[in-house]
Each structure stands twice: as structure tokens, then as C-alpha cells.
Amino acid sequence: MTPLPNGNPAPMIELLRTNDPVLISWLRALLADDGIEAIILDSHMSVMEGSISAIPRRVMVRDEHAARARRLLDAAGIDHDRSSIV
């Protein structure tokens, strides 16, 4: 993640929360195609807890890209207002 010009980390927002690795992979590709870098949080915790799906992964984007990322999700028919926990 590229820091801001002043060296501070860029503010980020949670775009989506899910346990679906295929959705996460697809979403990263969708966002990358539009020049939006996504960071996945909690992926190591999700792996550690096994297959009970107790800890969803969070897809994060820079605050300045949030509106554009949400529009991409809307166009793709992904409900980002309601986290997709499988």
C-alpha cells in the first residue's frame, strides 16, 4: 500500500467481509482492473480457526477509492452493505 505524500499510511475502509476465498480473489481482480489496490485483513486468523468460518476476512481499500469500489460492486451485483459471510 502506497503511503500518502507526507509518509503517513492512507486511511482505509472496509469494503466487504466474507469467508468466501473465491469471492475475495475475484474482487481483488475486479478492483485491480480499475486501478484500486485491495488489502485483505484477517486472512491468517481465518486460516488458524479452521473451517468453522468464525472469522471472516475483510477486504479493505483506501478511503479515496471507496466510492468507486462500491460502484464496481454494485455493477457486479455484489451486496457490499450486507457482508457475505459463508
C-alpha atoms as a PDB file:
ATOM      1  CA  MET A   1       0.000   0.000   0.000  1.00  0.00           C
ATOM      2  CA  THR A   2       1.470   3.309  -1.070  1.00  0.00           C
ATOM      3  CA  PRO A   3       1.717   5.829   1.780  1.00  0.00           C
ATOM      4  CA  LEU A   4       0.474   9.383   1.489  1.00  0.00           C
ATOM      5  CA  PRO A   5       2.957  12.047   0.311  1.00  0.00           C
ATOM      6  CA  ASN A   6       3.587  13.018   3.951  1.00  0.00           C
ATOM      7  CA  GLY A   7       4.661   9.421   4.714  1.00  0.00           C
ATOM      8  CA  ASN A   8       1.592   8.520   6.772  1.00  0.00           C
ATOM      9  CA  PRO A   9      -0.431   5.447   5.864  1.00  0.00           C
ATOM     10  CA  ALA A  10      -3.560   6.139   3.835  1.00  0.00           C
ATOM     11  CA  PRO A  11      -6.904   5.844   5.673  1.00  0.00           C
ATOM     12  CA  MET A  12      -8.725   2.654   4.705  1.00  0.00           C
ATOM     13  CA  ILE A  13     -12.332   1.495   4.836  1.00  0.00           C
ATOM     14  CA  GLU A  14     -13.832  -1.968   4.939  1.00  0.00           C
ATOM     15  CA  LEU A  15     -15.446  -2.732   1.618  1.00  0.00           C
ATOM     16  CA  LEU A  16     -16.666  -6.247   2.315  1.00  0.00           C
ATOM     17  CA  ARG A  17     -16.395  -9.004   4.914  1.00  0.00           C
ATOM     18  CA  THR A  18     -16.582 -12.627   3.784  1.00  0.00           C
ATOM     19  CA  ASN A  19     -15.226 -16.146   4.249  1.00  0.00           C
ATOM     20  CA  ASP A  20     -15.511 -16.946   0.545  1.00  0.00           C
ATOM     21  CA  PRO A  21     -11.949 -17.172  -0.888  1.00  0.00           C
ATOM     22  CA  VAL A  22     -13.236 -17.270  -4.469  1.00  0.00           C
ATOM     23  CA  LEU A  23     -15.198 -14.046  -3.969  1.00  0.00           C
ATOM     24  CA  ILE A  24     -12.137 -12.393  -2.414  1.00  0.00           C
ATOM     25  CA  SER A  25      -9.904 -13.444  -5.315  1.00  0.00           C
ATOM     26  CA  TRP A  26     -12.441 -12.276  -7.890  1.00  0.00           C
ATOM     27  CA  LEU A  27     -12.984  -8.994  -6.051  1.00  0.00           C
ATOM     28  CA  ARG A  28      -9.247  -8.264  -5.893  1.00  0.00           C
ATOM     29  CA  ALA A  29      -9.014  -8.828  -9.657  1.00  0.00           C
ATOM     30  CA  LEU A  30     -12.075  -6.638 -10.324  1.00  0.00           C
ATOM     31  CA  LEU A  31     -10.668  -3.803  -8.234  1.00  0.00           C
ATOM     32  CA  ALA A  32      -7.141  -4.170  -9.661  1.00  0.00           C
ATOM     33  CA  ASP A  33      -8.527  -3.894 -13.206  1.00  0.00           C
ATOM     34  CA  ASP A  34      -9.826  -0.465 -12.201  1.00  0.00           C
ATOM     35  CA  GLY A  35      -6.570   0.550 -10.509  1.00  0.00           C
ATOM     36  CA  ILE A  36      -7.796   0.025  -6.951  1.00  0.00           C
ATOM     37  CA  GLU A  37      -5.485  -1.825  -4.576  1.00  0.00           C
ATOM     38  CA  ALA A  38      -7.275  -4.050  -2.059  1.00  0.00           C
ATOM     39  CA  ILE A  39      -5.772  -5.281   1.191  1.00  0.00           C
ATOM     40  CA  ILE A  40      -7.170  -8.426   2.810  1.00  0.00           C
ATOM     41  CA  LEU A  41      -7.166  -8.382   6.600  1.00  0.00           C
ATOM     42  CA  ASP A  42      -7.631 -11.341   8.940  1.00  0.00           C
ATOM     43  CA  SER A  43      -6.629 -13.936   6.357  1.00  0.00           C
ATOM     44  CA  HIS A  44      -4.144 -15.554   8.755  1.00  0.00           C
ATOM     45  CA  MET A  45      -6.670 -15.610  11.589  1.00  0.00           C
ATOM     46  CA  SER A  46      -9.241 -17.119   9.269  1.00  0.00           C
ATOM     47  CA  VAL A  47      -6.834 -19.930   8.371  1.00  0.00           C
ATOM     48  CA  MET A  48      -5.911 -20.540  12.019  1.00  0.00           C
ATOM     49  CA  GLU A  49      -9.512 -21.013  13.118  1.00  0.00           C
ATOM     50  CA  GLY A  50     -10.009 -23.840  10.635  1.00  0.00           C
ATOM     51  CA  SER A  51     -13.132 -24.416   8.611  1.00  0.00           C
ATOM     52  CA  ILE A  52     -15.760 -23.202  11.080  1.00  0.00           C
ATOM     53  CA  SER A  53     -15.928 -19.778   9.385  1.00  0.00           C
ATOM     54  CA  ALA A  54     -15.919 -17.862  12.663  1.00  0.00           C
ATOM     55  CA  ILE A  55     -13.557 -15.113  11.497  1.00  0.00           C
ATOM     56  CA  PRO A  56     -14.366 -13.559   8.126  1.00  0.00           C
ATOM     57  CA  ARG A  57     -11.727 -11.839   6.034  1.00  0.00           C
ATOM     58  CA  ARG A  58     -12.070  -8.095   5.490  1.00  0.00           C
ATOM     59  CA  VAL A  59     -11.479  -6.514   2.088  1.00  0.00           C
ATOM     60  CA  MET A  60     -10.089  -3.015   2.631  1.00  0.00           C
ATOM     61  CA  VAL A  61      -9.499  -0.172   0.162  1.00  0.00           C
ATOM     62  CA  ARG A  62      -8.130   3.339   0.514  1.00  0.00           C
ATOM     63  CA  ASP A  63     -10.753   5.796   1.652  1.00  0.00           C
ATOM     64  CA  GLU A  64     -10.294   7.841  -1.531  1.00  0.00           C
ATOM     65  CA  HIS A  65     -11.201   4.779  -3.665  1.00  0.00           C
ATOM     66  CA  ALA A  66     -14.198   3.647  -1.594  1.00  0.00           C
ATOM     67  CA  ALA A  67     -16.969   5.235  -3.678  1.00  0.00           C
ATOM     68  CA  ARG A  68     -15.519   3.918  -6.942  1.00  0.00           C
ATOM     69  CA  ALA A  69     -15.048   0.450  -5.422  1.00  0.00           C
ATOM     70  CA  ARG A  70     -18.645   0.402  -4.189  1.00  0.00           C
ATOM     71  CA  ARG A  71     -19.887   1.368  -7.653  1.00  0.00           C
ATOM     72  CA  LEU A  72     -17.929  -1.566  -9.113  1.00  0.00           C
ATOM     73  CA  LEU A  73     -19.521  -3.921  -6.594  1.00  0.00           C
ATOM     74  CA  ASP A  74     -22.981  -2.517  -7.348  1.00  0.00           C
ATOM     75  CA  ALA A  75     -22.444  -3.012 -11.083  1.00  0.00           C
ATOM     76  CA  ALA A  76     -21.333  -6.600 -10.426  1.00  0.00           C
ATOM     77  CA  GLY A  77     -24.377  -7.296  -8.241  1.00  0.00           C
ATOM     78  CA  ILE A  78     -22.377  -7.767  -5.014  1.00  0.00           C
ATOM     79  CA  ASP A  79     -24.148  -6.502  -1.885  1.00  0.00           C
ATOM     80  CA  HIS A  80     -21.399  -4.644  -0.025  1.00  0.00           C
ATOM     81  CA  ASP A  81     -23.809  -3.223   2.585  1.00  0.00           C
ATOM     82  CA  ARG A  82     -24.514  -6.692   3.907  1.00  0.00           C
ATOM     83  CA  SER A  83     -21.361  -8.671   4.488  1.00  0.00           C
ATOM     84  CA  SER A  84     -21.310 -12.007   2.735  1.00  0.00           C
ATOM     85  CA  ILE A  85     -20.364 -14.456   5.467  1.00  0.00           C
ATOM     86  CA  VAL A  86     -20.497 -18.004   4.168  1.00  0.00           C
END
